[in-house]
Amino acid sequence: MGEVTAYVESLPEPARAAVERVYARARAIVPEATEGLGYGMPALVHRGKPLVSVMVARAHIGLYPFSPRALDTVREELAGFSLSKGTVRFSAQAPVPDEVLDRLLQARRAEIEG
């Protein structure tokens, strides 16, 4: 069992479904991604670099694309979300829209593939 799988299985609902959704979309966009760690967090890894991590915090779910530049490609479309330089904070009740999430993941993949 990989780091991401073990982490997701440890989560209670509804956070578990919200986290699984992000990882499922990431796997669909980057099917060759593997489970590993990124900055100590369970993450999907592509070509040896962290692609995305999703972690549950007390008051939100954090989406970490490991790239402020990739996040900048969709930052304006995330105006209703709490953002920092490299993090999107969301909830199970208010997830990142699929099309925005997909573009963010595609931007990170393209950055890794350089």
C-alpha atoms as a PDB file:
ATOM      1  CA  MET A   1       0.000   0.000   0.000  1.00  0.00           C
ATOM      2  CA  GLY A   2       1.359   3.426  -0.943  1.00  0.00           C
ATOM      3  CA  GLU A   3       1.497   6.578   1.120  1.00  0.00           C
ATOM      4  CA  VAL A   4      -1.508   8.183  -0.582  1.00  0.00           C
ATOM      5  CA  THR A   5      -3.683   5.063  -0.312  1.00  0.00           C
ATOM      6  CA  ALA A   6      -2.852   4.587   3.370  1.00  0.00           C
ATOM      7  CA  TYR A   7      -3.538   8.253   4.122  1.00  0.00           C
ATOM      8  CA  VAL A   8      -6.866   8.335   2.268  1.00  0.00           C
ATOM      9  CA  GLU A   9      -8.025   5.147   3.964  1.00  0.00           C
ATOM     10  CA  SER A  10      -7.358   6.748   7.354  1.00  0.00           C
ATOM     11  CA  LEU A  11      -9.741   9.646   6.706  1.00  0.00           C
ATOM     12  CA  PRO A  12     -13.358   9.886   7.864  1.00  0.00           C
ATOM     13  CA  GLU A  13     -16.165  10.858   5.514  1.00  0.00           C
ATOM     14  CA  PRO A  14     -16.943  13.329   3.961  1.00  0.00           C
ATOM     15  CA  ALA A  15     -13.290  14.441   3.840  1.00  0.00           C
ATOM     16  CA  ARG A  16     -12.232  11.060   2.490  1.00  0.00           C
ATOM     17  CA  ALA A  17     -14.445  11.338  -0.598  1.00  0.00           C
ATOM     18  CA  ALA A  18     -13.259  14.909  -1.237  1.00  0.00           C
ATOM     19  CA  VAL A  19      -9.602  13.877  -1.050  1.00  0.00           C
ATOM     20  CA  GLU A  20     -10.167  10.731  -3.139  1.00  0.00           C
ATOM     21  CA  ARG A  21     -11.831  12.866  -5.830  1.00  0.00           C
ATOM     22  CA  VAL A  22      -8.733  15.044  -6.256  1.00  0.00           C
ATOM     23  CA  TYR A  23      -6.406  12.066  -6.415  1.00  0.00           C
ATOM     24  CA  ALA A  24      -8.689  10.279  -8.894  1.00  0.00           C
ATOM     25  CA  ARG A  25      -8.662  13.294 -11.215  1.00  0.00           C
ATOM     26  CA  ALA A  26      -4.881  13.575 -10.887  1.00  0.00           C
ATOM     27  CA  ARG A  27      -4.479   9.888 -11.757  1.00  0.00           C
ATOM     28  CA  ALA A  28      -6.731  10.327 -14.796  1.00  0.00           C
ATOM     29  CA  ILE A  29      -4.650  13.274 -16.034  1.00  0.00           C
ATOM     30  CA  VAL A  30      -1.267  11.745 -15.160  1.00  0.00           C
ATOM     31  CA  PRO A  31      -1.851   7.973 -15.159  1.00  0.00           C
ATOM     32  CA  GLU A  32       1.860   7.235 -14.813  1.00  0.00           C
ATOM     33  CA  ALA A  33       2.044   9.110 -11.475  1.00  0.00           C
ATOM     34  CA  THR A  34       3.064   6.979  -8.518  1.00  0.00           C
ATOM     35  CA  GLU A  35       2.478   7.274  -4.804  1.00  0.00           C
ATOM     36  CA  GLY A  36       5.239   8.821  -2.769  1.00  0.00           C
ATOM     37  CA  LEU A  37       6.024  11.850  -0.668  1.00  0.00           C
ATOM     38  CA  GLY A  38       6.315  15.530  -1.409  1.00  0.00           C
ATOM     39  CA  TYR A  39       7.822  17.700   1.337  1.00  0.00           C
ATOM     40  CA  GLY A  40       6.919  14.963   3.828  1.00  0.00           C
ATOM     41  CA  MET A  41       3.288  14.726   2.732  1.00  0.00           C
ATOM     42  CA  PRO A  42       1.651  11.776   0.954  1.00  0.00           C
ATOM     43  CA  ALA A  43       1.649  12.814  -2.698  1.00  0.00           C
ATOM     44  CA  LEU A  44       1.398  11.626  -6.249  1.00  0.00           C
ATOM     45  CA  VAL A  45       4.808  11.857  -7.883  1.00  0.00           C
ATOM     46  CA  HIS A  46       5.554  12.300 -11.590  1.00  0.00           C
ATOM     47  CA  ARG A  47       9.050  11.821 -13.006  1.00  0.00           C
ATOM     48  CA  GLY A  48      10.510  11.969  -9.536  1.00  0.00           C
ATOM     49  CA  LYS A  49       8.842  15.273  -8.616  1.00  0.00           C
ATOM     50  CA  PRO A  50       5.750  15.807  -6.455  1.00  0.00           C
ATOM     51  CA  LEU A  51       2.656  16.411  -8.561  1.00  0.00           C
ATOM     52  CA  VAL A  52      -0.029  17.004  -5.941  1.00  0.00           C
ATOM     53  CA  SER A  53      -0.842  16.379  -2.311  1.00  0.00           C
ATOM     54  CA  VAL A  54      -4.165  16.741  -0.536  1.00  0.00           C
ATOM     55  CA  MET A  55      -4.231  16.913   3.248  1.00  0.00           C
ATOM     56  CA  VAL A  56      -7.047  17.365   5.733  1.00  0.00           C
ATOM     57  CA  ALA A  57      -6.581  20.079   8.339  1.00  0.00           C
ATOM     58  CA  ARG A  58      -8.865  20.977  11.218  1.00  0.00           C
ATOM     59  CA  ALA A  59     -10.810  23.674   9.356  1.00  0.00           C
ATOM     60  CA  HIS A  60     -10.195  22.865   5.682  1.00  0.00           C
ATOM     61  CA  ILE A  61      -8.691  20.521   3.116  1.00  0.00           C
ATOM     62  CA  GLY A  62      -5.411  21.704   1.632  1.00  0.00           C
ATOM     63  CA  LEU A  63      -4.540  21.127  -2.015  1.00  0.00           C
ATOM     64  CA  TYR A  64      -0.802  21.439  -2.672  1.00  0.00           C
ATOM     65  CA  PRO A  65       0.351  21.473  -6.306  1.00  0.00           C
ATOM     66  CA  PHE A  66       3.969  22.118  -5.205  1.00  0.00           C
ATOM     67  CA  SER A  67       4.155  25.066  -7.576  1.00  0.00           C
ATOM     68  CA  PRO A  68       3.028  28.663  -7.159  1.00  0.00           C
ATOM     69  CA  ARG A  69       3.459  29.062 -10.929  1.00  0.00           C
ATOM     70  CA  ALA A  70       1.026  26.217 -11.684  1.00  0.00           C
ATOM     71  CA  LEU A  71      -1.429  27.647  -9.166  1.00  0.00           C
ATOM     72  CA  ASP A  72      -1.132  31.061 -10.810  1.00  0.00           C
ATOM     73  CA  THR A  73      -2.600  29.570 -14.018  1.00  0.00           C
ATOM     74  CA  VAL A  74      -5.986  29.196 -12.271  1.00  0.00           C
ATOM     75  CA  ARG A  75      -5.694  31.629  -9.355  1.00  0.00           C
ATOM     76  CA  GLU A  76      -8.295  34.071 -10.727  1.00  0.00           C
ATOM     77  CA  GLU A  77     -10.838  31.261 -11.091  1.00  0.00           C
ATOM     78  CA  LEU A  78     -10.367  30.369  -7.430  1.00  0.00           C
ATOM     79  CA  ALA A  79     -11.444  33.783  -6.135  1.00  0.00           C
ATOM     80  CA  GLY A  80     -13.928  32.267  -3.653  1.00  0.00           C
ATOM     81  CA  PHE A  81     -11.315  29.988  -2.076  1.00  0.00           C
ATOM     82  CA  SER A  82      -8.684  30.688   0.543  1.00  0.00           C
ATOM     83  CA  LEU A  83      -5.345  30.736  -1.262  1.00  0.00           C
ATOM     84  CA  SER A  84      -1.722  31.206  -0.393  1.00  0.00           C
ATOM     85  CA  LYS A  85       1.388  31.120  -2.540  1.00  0.00           C
ATOM     86  CA  GLY A  86       1.170  27.358  -3.133  1.00  0.00           C
ATOM     87  CA  THR A  87      -2.028  26.165  -1.455  1.00  0.00           C
ATOM     88  CA  VAL A  88      -5.740  26.024  -2.185  1.00  0.00           C
ATOM     89  CA  ARG A  89      -7.983  25.542   0.844  1.00  0.00           C
ATOM     90  CA  PHE A  90     -11.383  23.998   0.226  1.00  0.00           C
ATOM     91  CA  SER A  91     -14.014  21.854   1.939  1.00  0.00           C
ATOM     92  CA  ALA A  92     -15.934  18.724   1.100  1.00  0.00           C
ATOM     93  CA  GLN A  93     -19.018  20.915   0.748  1.00  0.00           C
ATOM     94  CA  ALA A  94     -17.277  23.419  -1.558  1.00  0.00           C
ATOM     95  CA  PRO A  95     -14.735  21.509  -3.700  1.00  0.00           C
ATOM     96  CA  VAL A  96     -12.496  22.976  -6.362  1.00  0.00           C
ATOM     97  CA  PRO A  97     -14.473  22.779  -9.649  1.00  0.00           C
ATOM     98  CA  ASP A  98     -13.430  19.858 -11.863  1.00  0.00           C
ATOM     99  CA  GLU A  99     -12.395  21.966 -14.837  1.00  0.00           C
ATOM    100  CA  VAL A 100     -10.239  24.270 -12.683  1.00  0.00           C
ATOM    101  CA  LEU A 101      -8.678  21.332 -10.860  1.00  0.00           C
ATOM    102  CA  ASP A 102      -7.920  19.631 -14.175  1.00  0.00           C
ATOM    103  CA  ARG A 103      -6.202  22.724 -15.575  1.00  0.00           C
ATOM    104  CA  LEU A 104      -4.156  23.113 -12.397  1.00  0.00           C
ATOM    105  CA  LEU A 105      -3.029  19.489 -12.597  1.00  0.00           C
ATOM    106  CA  GLN A 106      -2.250  19.826 -16.303  1.00  0.00           C
ATOM    107  CA  ALA A 107      -0.164  22.936 -15.590  1.00  0.00           C
ATOM    108  CA  ARG A 108       1.814  21.110 -12.911  1.00  0.00           C
ATOM    109  CA  ARG A 109       2.345  18.112 -15.209  1.00  0.00           C
ATOM    110  CA  ALA A 110       3.591  20.403 -17.986  1.00  0.00           C
ATOM    111  CA  GLU A 111       5.937  22.150 -15.566  1.00  0.00           C
ATOM    112  CA  ILE A 112       7.420  18.835 -14.429  1.00  0.00           C
ATOM    113  CA  GLU A 113       7.795  17.622 -17.999  1.00  0.00           C
ATOM    114  CA  GLY A 114       9.457  20.955 -18.848  1.00  0.00           C
END
